[in-house]
C-alpha atoms as a PDB file:
ATOM      1  CA  UNK A   1       0.000   0.000   0.000  1.00  0.00           C
ATOM      2  CA  UNK A   2       1.316   3.461  -0.819  1.00  0.00           C
ATOM      3  CA  UNK A   3       0.688   6.903   0.625  1.00  0.00           C
ATOM      4  CA  UNK A   4      -0.838   8.437  -2.507  1.00  0.00           C
ATOM      5  CA  UNK A   5      -4.484   9.355  -2.830  1.00  0.00           C
ATOM      6  CA  UNK A   6      -4.182   9.196  -6.616  1.00  0.00           C
ATOM      7  CA  UNK A   7      -1.449   7.121  -8.127  1.00  0.00           C
ATOM      8  CA  UNK A   8      -0.028   7.071 -11.625  1.00  0.00           C
ATOM      9  CA  UNK A   9      -0.381   4.157 -14.011  1.00  0.00           C
ATOM     10  CA  UNK A  10       3.015   2.979 -12.779  1.00  0.00           C
ATOM     11  CA  UNK A  11       1.964   3.045  -9.128  1.00  0.00           C
ATOM     12  CA  UNK A  12       3.829   6.217  -8.163  1.00  0.00           C
ATOM     13  CA  UNK A  13       2.487   9.641  -7.439  1.00  0.00           C
ATOM     14  CA  UNK A  14       0.856  11.778 -10.111  1.00  0.00           C
ATOM     15  CA  UNK A  15       2.694  14.918 -11.065  1.00  0.00           C
ATOM     16  CA  UNK A  16       0.919  18.122 -10.155  1.00  0.00           C
ATOM     17  CA  UNK A  17       0.454  18.978 -13.831  1.00  0.00           C
ATOM     18  CA  UNK A  18      -1.054  15.566 -14.646  1.00  0.00           C
ATOM     19  CA  UNK A  19      -3.516  15.912 -11.779  1.00  0.00           C
ATOM     20  CA  UNK A  20      -4.449  19.398 -13.012  1.00  0.00           C
ATOM     21  CA  UNK A  21      -5.067  18.049 -16.525  1.00  0.00           C
ATOM     22  CA  UNK A  22      -7.282  15.263 -15.157  1.00  0.00           C
ATOM     23  CA  UNK A  23      -9.239  17.882 -13.196  1.00  0.00           C
ATOM     24  CA  UNK A  24      -9.568  20.186 -16.234  1.00  0.00           C
ATOM     25  CA  UNK A  25     -10.786  17.281 -18.382  1.00  0.00           C
ATOM     26  CA  UNK A  26     -13.336  16.344 -15.716  1.00  0.00           C
ATOM     27  CA  UNK A  27     -14.631  19.932 -15.667  1.00  0.00           C
ATOM     28  CA  UNK A  28     -15.004  19.930 -19.447  1.00  0.00           C
ATOM     29  CA  UNK A  29     -16.603  16.491 -19.414  1.00  0.00           C
ATOM     30  CA  UNK A  30     -19.162  17.691 -16.879  1.00  0.00           C
ATOM     31  CA  UNK A  31     -19.798  20.868 -18.935  1.00  0.00           C
ATOM     32  CA  UNK A  32     -18.827  23.049 -15.973  1.00  0.00           C
ATOM     33  CA  UNK A  33     -18.093  26.521 -17.260  1.00  0.00           C
ATOM     34  CA  UNK A  34     -17.121  28.130 -13.945  1.00  0.00           C
ATOM     35  CA  UNK A  35     -13.414  28.692 -13.406  1.00  0.00           C
ATOM     36  CA  UNK A  36     -12.147  26.131 -10.942  1.00  0.00           C
ATOM     37  CA  UNK A  37      -8.667  25.077  -9.945  1.00  0.00           C
ATOM     38  CA  UNK A  38      -7.061  22.648  -7.559  1.00  0.00           C
ATOM     39  CA  UNK A  39      -6.507  25.601  -5.263  1.00  0.00           C
ATOM     40  CA  UNK A  40     -10.222  26.455  -5.339  1.00  0.00           C
ATOM     41  CA  UNK A  41     -10.954  22.879  -4.217  1.00  0.00           C
ATOM     42  CA  UNK A  42      -8.453  23.251  -1.383  1.00  0.00           C
ATOM     43  CA  UNK A  43      -9.952  26.612  -0.431  1.00  0.00           C
ATOM     44  CA  UNK A  44     -13.486  25.168  -0.447  1.00  0.00           C
ATOM     45  CA  UNK A  45     -12.356  22.217   1.665  1.00  0.00           C
ATOM     46  CA  UNK A  46     -10.850  24.499   4.310  1.00  0.00           C
ATOM     47  CA  UNK A  47     -13.812  26.873   4.272  1.00  0.00           C
ATOM     48  CA  UNK A  48     -16.359  24.069   4.695  1.00  0.00           C
ATOM     49  CA  UNK A  49     -14.391  22.578   7.574  1.00  0.00           C
ATOM     50  CA  UNK A  50     -14.253  25.915   9.383  1.00  0.00           C
ATOM     51  CA  UNK A  51     -17.923  26.686   8.710  1.00  0.00           C
ATOM     52  CA  UNK A  52     -18.780  23.341  10.262  1.00  0.00           C
ATOM     53  CA  UNK A  53     -16.911  24.102  13.451  1.00  0.00           C
ATOM     54  CA  UNK A  54     -13.605  22.302  12.896  1.00  0.00           C
ATOM     55  CA  UNK A  55     -10.859  23.916  14.968  1.00  0.00           C
ATOM     56  CA  UNK A  56      -8.547  26.084  12.874  1.00  0.00           C
ATOM     57  CA  UNK A  57      -5.510  24.185  14.235  1.00  0.00           C
ATOM     58  CA  UNK A  58      -6.819  20.930  12.738  1.00  0.00           C
ATOM     59  CA  UNK A  59      -7.400  22.663   9.415  1.00  0.00           C
ATOM     60  CA  UNK A  60      -3.863  24.035   9.634  1.00  0.00           C
ATOM     61  CA  UNK A  61      -2.510  20.516  10.032  1.00  0.00           C
ATOM     62  CA  UNK A  62      -4.637  19.088   7.214  1.00  0.00           C
ATOM     63  CA  UNK A  63      -3.481  21.802   4.822  1.00  0.00           C
ATOM     64  CA  UNK A  64       0.146  21.469   5.897  1.00  0.00           C
ATOM     65  CA  UNK A  65       0.499  25.118   6.874  1.00  0.00           C
ATOM     66  CA  UNK A  66       3.432  25.857   9.154  1.00  0.00           C
ATOM     67  CA  UNK A  67       2.088  29.233  10.244  1.00  0.00           C
ATOM     68  CA  UNK A  68      -1.433  29.544  11.678  1.00  0.00           C
ATOM     69  CA  UNK A  69      -1.759  32.973  10.007  1.00  0.00           C
ATOM     70  CA  UNK A  70      -1.824  31.280   6.632  1.00  0.00           C
ATOM     71  CA  UNK A  71      -4.769  29.153   7.731  1.00  0.00           C
ATOM     72  CA  UNK A  72      -6.548  32.096   9.344  1.00  0.00           C
ATOM     73  CA  UNK A  73      -7.018  33.594   5.883  1.00  0.00           C
ATOM     74  CA  UNK A  74      -9.806  31.049   5.458  1.00  0.00           C
ATOM     75  CA  UNK A  75     -11.574  32.316   8.583  1.00  0.00           C
ATOM     76  CA  UNK A  76     -12.188  35.641   6.828  1.00  0.00           C
ATOM     77  CA  UNK A  77     -14.590  34.009   4.386  1.00  0.00           C
ATOM     78  CA  UNK A  78     -18.173  35.027   5.085  1.00  0.00           C
ATOM     79  CA  UNK A  79     -19.872  32.636   7.454  1.00  0.00           C
ATOM     80  CA  UNK A  80     -23.505  32.009   6.399  1.00  0.00           C
ATOM     81  CA  UNK A  81     -24.590  31.985  10.052  1.00  0.00           C
ATOM     82  CA  UNK A  82     -23.378  35.569  10.417  1.00  0.00           C
ATOM     83  CA  UNK A  83     -25.794  36.694   7.708  1.00  0.00           C
ATOM     84  CA  UNK A  84     -28.723  35.596   9.886  1.00  0.00           C
ATOM     85  CA  UNK A  85     -27.748  37.778  12.840  1.00  0.00           C
ATOM     86  CA  UNK A  86     -30.166  40.684  13.156  1.00  0.00           C
ATOM     87  CA  UNK A  87     -28.841  44.068  14.169  1.00  0.00           C
ATOM     88  CA  UNK A  88     -30.398  45.418  17.363  1.00  0.00           C
ATOM     89  CA  UNK A  89     -30.449  48.891  15.791  1.00  0.00           C
END
């Protein structure tokens, strides 16, 4: 068993470019017109975790960030629960 989520035809890891091409082909095949990248998937993953209450330190570890400030960028994304808060004014 290896440590790769997606492995190449030879059993090794996929190159970043090959994985990007697979992703781009999947977008085209699904007729998705919206711009999407591997980074947008990563960003969505982190945002969904934080919106669902996962501690930012766990997200930091999952994303492999050394500095918590890098991960805290994702906490600035609008939280849907905040939109429902009514102003007392």
